[in-house]
Protein backbone atom coordinates (compact mmCIF):
# COMPACT_ATOMS: atom_id res chain seq x y z
CA MET A 1 37.07 55.05 10.81
CA ARG A 2 38.72 51.48 11.24
CA ARG A 3 39.04 49.68 7.88
CA VAL A 4 38.16 46.19 7.23
CA PRO A 5 41.06 44.05 6.20
CA TYR A 6 40.97 43.20 2.40
CA SER A 7 40.65 39.41 2.89
CA ILE A 8 37.65 39.79 5.38
CA GLY A 9 36.01 42.18 3.18
CA LEU A 10 36.10 39.57 0.40
CA ILE A 11 34.69 36.97 2.70
CA LEU A 12 31.74 39.33 3.78
CA VAL A 13 30.99 40.11 0.18
CA ALA A 14 30.99 36.46 -0.88
CA VAL A 15 28.67 35.67 1.95
CA VAL A 16 26.20 38.45 1.23
CA SER A 17 26.43 37.40 -2.50
CA ILE A 18 25.68 33.80 -1.68
CA HIS A 19 22.84 34.64 0.63
CA GLY A 20 21.33 36.83 -1.85
CA ALA A 21 21.85 34.29 -4.77
CA VAL A 22 20.10 31.50 -2.63
CA ARG A 23 17.45 33.77 -1.58
CA PHE A 24 16.22 35.32 -4.77
CA ILE A 25 17.87 33.24 -7.66
CA GLY A 26 17.23 29.93 -5.98
CA GLY A 27 13.70 30.52 -5.71
CA ALA A 28 13.24 32.04 -9.06
CA GLY A 29 10.30 30.78 -10.89
CA LEU A 30 8.84 28.79 -7.90
CA GLU A 31 4.92 29.01 -7.94
CA PRO A 32 3.57 29.23 -4.45
CA TYR A 33 1.91 25.96 -3.49
CA ASP A 34 -0.17 25.66 -0.38
CA TYR A 35 0.78 22.09 0.94
CA ARG A 36 -1.73 22.38 3.81
CA GLN A 37 -4.54 22.51 0.96
CA ASP A 38 -3.30 19.46 -0.49
CA VAL A 39 -4.68 17.22 2.43
CA MET A 40 -7.29 15.06 1.10
CA ILE A 41 -9.91 14.37 3.75
CA THR A 42 -12.13 11.23 3.42
CA GLU A 43 -14.55 9.37 5.71
CA TYR A 44 -11.83 7.12 6.68
CA THR A 45 -9.33 9.98 7.55
CA ASP A 46 -9.99 10.34 11.37
CA THR A 47 -6.81 12.35 12.17
CA ALA A 48 -7.70 12.28 15.92
CA SER A 49 -7.15 8.52 16.20
CA ARG A 50 -4.69 8.01 13.25
CA PHE A 51 -1.91 10.35 14.34
CA ILE A 52 0.02 9.30 17.28
CA ASP A 53 0.44 12.22 19.84
CA LEU A 54 4.29 12.35 20.45
CA ASP A 55 6.55 15.21 21.51
CA GLY A 56 9.43 14.37 19.41
CA SER A 57 7.41 13.20 16.20
CA PHE A 58 4.43 14.94 14.25
CA ASN A 59 4.15 12.36 11.57
CA THR A 60 3.83 8.95 13.39
CA ARG A 61 0.35 7.45 12.31
CA ASP A 62 -1.80 4.20 12.13
CA ILE A 63 -2.41 3.12 8.65
CA GLY A 64 -5.21 0.89 9.54
CA GLY A 65 -8.98 1.46 9.35
CA TYR A 66 -9.22 1.49 5.41
CA PRO A 67 -11.52 -1.03 3.59
CA ALA A 68 -9.40 -3.55 1.71
CA ARG A 69 -10.18 -6.35 -0.81
CA GLU A 70 -11.20 -8.49 2.10
CA GLY A 71 -12.20 -6.85 5.38
CA MET A 72 -10.23 -3.76 6.53
CA ILE A 73 -6.61 -2.81 7.07
CA ALA A 74 -6.12 -3.72 10.54
CA ARG A 75 -5.89 -0.95 13.24
CA ASN A 76 -2.97 -0.84 15.91
CA THR A 77 -0.90 -3.18 13.73
CA VAL A 78 1.12 -1.19 11.42
CA TYR A 79 2.51 2.55 12.11
CA ARG A 80 4.48 4.94 9.70
CA SER A 81 6.65 7.58 11.15
CA ASP A 82 9.48 10.08 10.64
CA HIS A 83 12.77 9.91 12.48
CA LEU A 84 12.63 8.69 16.16
CA HIS A 85 15.52 10.30 17.70
CA LEU A 86 14.07 13.07 19.39
CA LEU A 87 11.48 11.14 21.29
CA THR A 88 10.88 11.95 24.80
CA ASP A 89 10.70 9.72 27.95
CA GLU A 90 6.87 10.15 27.82
CA ASP A 91 6.88 9.39 23.99
CA LEU A 92 8.65 6.15 24.79
CA LYS A 93 5.83 5.25 27.14
CA LYS A 94 3.40 5.74 24.44
CA ILE A 95 5.45 3.57 22.08
CA THR A 96 5.53 0.88 24.66
CA SER A 97 1.75 1.21 25.27
CA LEU A 98 1.23 0.74 21.60
CA GLY A 99 2.76 -2.59 22.01
CA ILE A 100 5.10 -2.16 19.18
CA ARG A 101 7.44 -4.99 18.65
CA THR A 102 9.45 -4.17 15.65
CA VAL A 103 10.77 -1.05 14.10
CA ILE A 104 12.12 -0.89 10.48
CA ASP A 105 14.46 2.04 9.83
CA LEU A 106 14.30 2.95 6.18
CA ARG A 107 16.85 5.70 6.20
CA GLU A 108 20.27 5.52 4.65
CA PRO A 109 22.86 4.30 6.91
CA GLY A 110 24.93 7.42 7.37
CA ARG A 111 21.61 9.28 8.58
CA ALA A 112 20.85 6.35 11.06
CA GLU A 113 24.44 6.61 12.47
CA THR A 114 24.33 10.42 12.90
CA TYR A 115 20.65 10.50 14.53
CA PRO A 116 20.10 7.26 16.13
CA ASN A 117 16.66 6.23 17.35
CA ARG A 118 15.32 6.53 20.96
CA LEU A 119 13.26 3.20 21.36
CA PRO A 120 12.10 1.26 24.40
CA GLU A 121 14.54 -1.54 25.10
CA GLU A 122 11.85 -4.37 24.21
CA VAL A 123 11.58 -3.15 20.77
CA ILE A 124 13.79 -5.00 18.08
CA SER A 125 14.99 -2.50 15.46
CA TYR A 126 16.13 -3.19 11.88
CA GLU A 127 17.92 -1.00 9.56
CA LEU A 128 16.62 -1.80 6.12
CA PRO A 129 17.52 1.17 4.00
CA ILE A 130 15.69 1.70 0.60
CA TYR A 131 18.91 3.14 -0.94
CA ASP A 132 22.52 2.98 0.40
CA GLY A 133 23.84 6.38 -0.82
CA THR A 134 22.53 9.75 0.35
CA LYS A 135 20.34 11.75 -2.24
CA PRO A 136 21.32 15.28 -0.86
CA LEU A 137 18.72 17.91 -1.46
CA HIS A 138 20.94 20.83 -0.58
CA VAL A 139 21.85 21.84 -3.88
CA PRO A 140 18.41 21.96 -5.35
CA VAL A 141 17.18 23.48 -2.28
CA LEU A 142 19.74 26.10 -2.56
CA ILE A 143 19.85 26.82 -6.32
CA ARG A 144 16.69 25.55 -7.96
CA ARG A 145 13.87 25.34 -5.60
CA ASN A 146 11.41 25.13 -8.34
CA SER A 147 12.74 21.73 -9.26
CA ILE A 148 12.22 19.87 -6.02
CA SER A 149 8.74 18.70 -6.97
CA SER A 150 9.93 17.03 -10.04
CA TYR A 151 12.97 15.60 -8.03
CA PHE A 152 10.80 13.86 -5.34
CA GLN A 153 8.39 12.59 -8.24
CA LYS A 154 11.42 10.86 -9.99
CA SER A 155 12.96 9.56 -6.87
CA TYR A 156 9.75 7.69 -5.94
CA VAL A 157 10.09 5.94 -9.17
CA GLU A 158 13.91 5.29 -8.60
CA TYR A 159 13.00 3.67 -5.44
CA LEU A 160 11.06 1.00 -7.21
CA ASP A 161 12.84 0.61 -10.50
CA GLU A 162 16.55 0.84 -9.21
CA TRP A 163 16.42 -0.10 -5.60
CA GLY A 164 13.54 -2.61 -5.59
CA HIS A 165 15.57 -5.50 -4.04
CA ARG A 166 15.72 -3.26 -1.14
CA PHE A 167 11.97 -4.17 -0.44
CA LEU A 168 12.55 -7.79 -0.26
CA PRO A 169 13.95 -8.12 3.21
CA ILE A 170 11.36 -5.60 4.24
CA PHE A 171 8.48 -7.84 3.07
CA GLU A 172 10.17 -10.90 4.37
CA LEU A 173 10.49 -9.42 7.74
CA ILE A 174 6.58 -8.18 7.90
CA SER A 175 5.33 -11.59 6.66
CA ASP A 176 6.18 -12.96 10.13
CA PRO A 177 3.13 -12.37 12.39
CA SER A 178 5.44 -12.34 15.35
CA ALA A 179 6.85 -9.14 14.25
CA TYR A 180 3.67 -7.20 14.91
CA PRO A 181 2.72 -4.54 15.56
CA VAL A 182 5.21 -2.91 13.25
CA LEU A 183 6.40 0.67 12.86
CA TYR A 184 8.59 1.53 9.89
CA HIS A 185 10.11 5.07 9.37
CA CYS A 186 12.40 7.23 7.29
CA SER A 187 13.78 10.81 8.11
CA ASN A 188 10.45 12.86 7.55
CA GLY A 189 8.07 10.01 7.35
CA LYS A 190 6.62 11.19 3.88
CA ASP A 191 8.74 9.85 1.06
CA ARG A 192 10.07 6.24 1.55
CA ALA A 193 7.62 5.64 4.35
CA GLY A 194 4.88 6.91 2.05
CA VAL A 195 5.76 4.70 -0.88
CA LEU A 196 6.06 1.64 1.45
CA THR A 197 2.55 2.40 2.80
CA ALA A 198 1.08 2.94 -0.84
CA LEU A 199 2.58 -0.54 -1.87
CA LEU A 200 1.09 -2.43 1.19
CA LEU A 201 -2.31 -0.70 0.79
CA ASP A 202 -2.42 -1.08 -2.89
CA LEU A 203 -1.39 -5.02 -2.39
CA ALA A 204 -4.26 -5.17 -0.01
CA GLY A 205 -6.76 -3.80 -2.26
CA VAL A 206 -7.43 -0.41 -0.62
CA ARG A 207 -9.14 2.07 -3.00
CA ARG A 208 -6.57 4.31 -4.82
CA GLU A 209 -8.07 7.58 -3.55
CA LEU A 210 -7.78 6.45 -0.03
CA ILE A 211 -4.14 5.76 -0.55
CA VAL A 212 -3.54 9.16 -2.04
CA SER A 213 -5.51 10.46 0.90
CA ASP A 214 -3.32 8.74 3.69
CA PHE A 215 -0.22 9.94 1.59
CA SER A 216 -1.33 13.50 1.54
CA LEU A 217 -1.66 13.21 5.62
CA SER A 218 2.14 14.15 5.67
CA ASN A 219 0.89 17.50 5.05
CA TYR A 220 -1.38 17.72 8.03
CA HIS A 221 0.86 19.13 10.57
CA ILE A 222 3.30 20.77 8.11
CA GLU A 223 3.90 24.02 10.09
CA GLN A 224 5.00 22.00 13.19
CA VAL A 225 7.13 19.88 10.67
CA ILE A 226 8.71 22.94 9.55
CA GLU A 227 9.38 24.47 12.85
CA LYS A 228 10.91 21.19 13.89
CA PHE A 229 13.17 21.16 10.83
CA ILE A 230 14.26 24.85 11.61
CA ASP A 231 15.45 23.73 15.01
CA HIS A 232 17.64 21.07 13.31
CA GLU A 233 21.11 21.79 12.27
CA GLU A 234 20.01 21.23 8.44
CA GLY A 235 17.09 23.60 8.56
CA THR A 236 19.03 26.20 10.51
CA LEU A 237 21.72 26.01 7.80
CA LEU A 238 19.35 26.44 4.97
CA MET A 239 17.89 29.56 6.40
CA ARG A 240 21.25 31.28 7.29
CA LEU A 241 22.22 30.58 3.63
CA GLY A 242 19.14 32.28 2.60
CA VAL A 243 16.32 29.79 1.95
CA PRO A 244 13.20 31.35 3.09
CA ARG A 245 11.04 29.83 5.61
CA GLU A 246 7.90 29.85 3.48
CA GLU A 247 9.98 27.91 0.91
CA LEU A 248 10.83 25.20 3.18
CA SER A 249 7.52 23.52 2.60
CA GLU A 250 8.87 22.47 -0.76
CA LEU A 251 11.24 20.27 1.01
CA MET A 252 9.15 19.00 4.02
CA GLY A 253 5.69 18.56 2.13
CA VAL A 254 4.14 16.24 -0.20
CA ARG A 255 2.06 16.56 -3.33
CA THR A 256 -0.46 14.11 -4.19
CA GLN A 257 0.53 14.05 -7.80
CA TRP A 258 3.91 12.20 -6.60
CA ILE A 259 2.24 9.09 -5.41
CA GLN A 260 -0.40 9.07 -8.15
CA ASN A 261 2.31 9.18 -10.64
CA LEU A 262 4.08 6.21 -8.86
CA LEU A 263 0.80 4.02 -8.94
CA ASP A 264 0.41 4.96 -12.58
CA HIS A 265 4.00 3.99 -13.27
CA ILE A 266 3.41 0.65 -11.37
CA ASP A 267 0.23 -0.13 -13.50
CA MET A 268 1.86 0.75 -16.83
CA THR A 269 5.16 -0.97 -16.12
CA TYR A 270 4.35 -3.98 -13.97
CA GLY A 271 0.53 -4.40 -14.25
CA SER A 272 -0.27 -4.18 -10.62
CA THR A 273 1.57 -3.74 -7.36
CA ARG A 274 1.42 -7.38 -6.91
CA GLY A 275 2.93 -7.78 -10.26
CA TYR A 276 5.90 -5.51 -9.26
CA LEU A 277 6.62 -7.18 -5.86
CA GLU A 278 6.60 -10.60 -7.74
CA HIS A 279 8.94 -8.86 -10.33
CA ILE A 280 11.46 -7.90 -7.54
CA GLY A 281 11.56 -11.60 -6.16
CA ILE A 282 8.86 -11.61 -3.48
CA SER A 283 7.01 -14.89 -3.45
CA GLN A 284 3.38 -15.16 -3.59
CA GLY A 285 3.57 -17.05 -0.13
CA ILE A 286 5.22 -13.95 1.40
CA LEU A 287 2.71 -11.44 -0.15
CA THR A 288 -0.42 -13.54 0.96
CA ALA A 289 1.18 -13.70 4.54
CA VAL A 290 1.68 -9.78 4.58
CA ILE A 291 -1.85 -9.29 3.41
CA GLY A 292 -3.03 -11.63 6.11
CA ASN A 293 -1.04 -9.98 8.83
CA ILE A 294 -2.19 -6.39 8.07
CA THR A 295 -6.08 -7.26 7.22
CA ASP A 296 -8.77 -8.09 9.40
CA ALA A 297 -10.95 -10.40 7.48
CA GLU A 298 -14.82 -10.11 7.25
């Protein structure tokens, strides 16, 4: 029988050991969580009209149609999304049909450079990252998957408390009525896009339960999102290293407690979302203009 060289044998042992450690130790203590069951459906959800049917994206949706302080959040005016680098030619036609004029890319610069968006030529795109540096999840995904939920919950607060100045150019841009319709997005359309959506809806006076419900819709197509992620090189790598498919939802889903915790933090620390936005230097004039742009007054 042919003997395996000693060095190759060591490598094989190491690979098998890493795979086993990632698969079993990395998931130790992880309680099963059904992200699909965390979707909050209300009379304003209307998923058929809210989600935009695209081949290259499962989390592009209209944030309009919710009752606000004065009137309703306007439909066909503001869209939130995940990354757009996989859009097909047919998807681009749909984006064009929506009349979208402005795209705001919230991703960190490295991500935007590696996976550039596909957009119609007439769309003006702005790279306005909420944070500059990457916050890689690979290590907690591999070795402490039971910590991912707390990681995201803390990250949302960090977006506001440590990177608040990054929201200023975003609000300045969307205070301009000529920018609309607007689409903003991050990598998966759930965290940075979710926080920005919560700020906009809360500023306009949308009820908190509807804000939380809108946030939870990132779980609506979670199975398709996971499949899309597995096809991506990062998802493929995680599975090869031993992360079970069923545990990828820890990375790709959201928990309603994350956004509720953020809203509670805003109230306790800044008094209100308007108070927070004024705290980071956004003028009352800009805030009033933003509310006017995204709201259909009664």
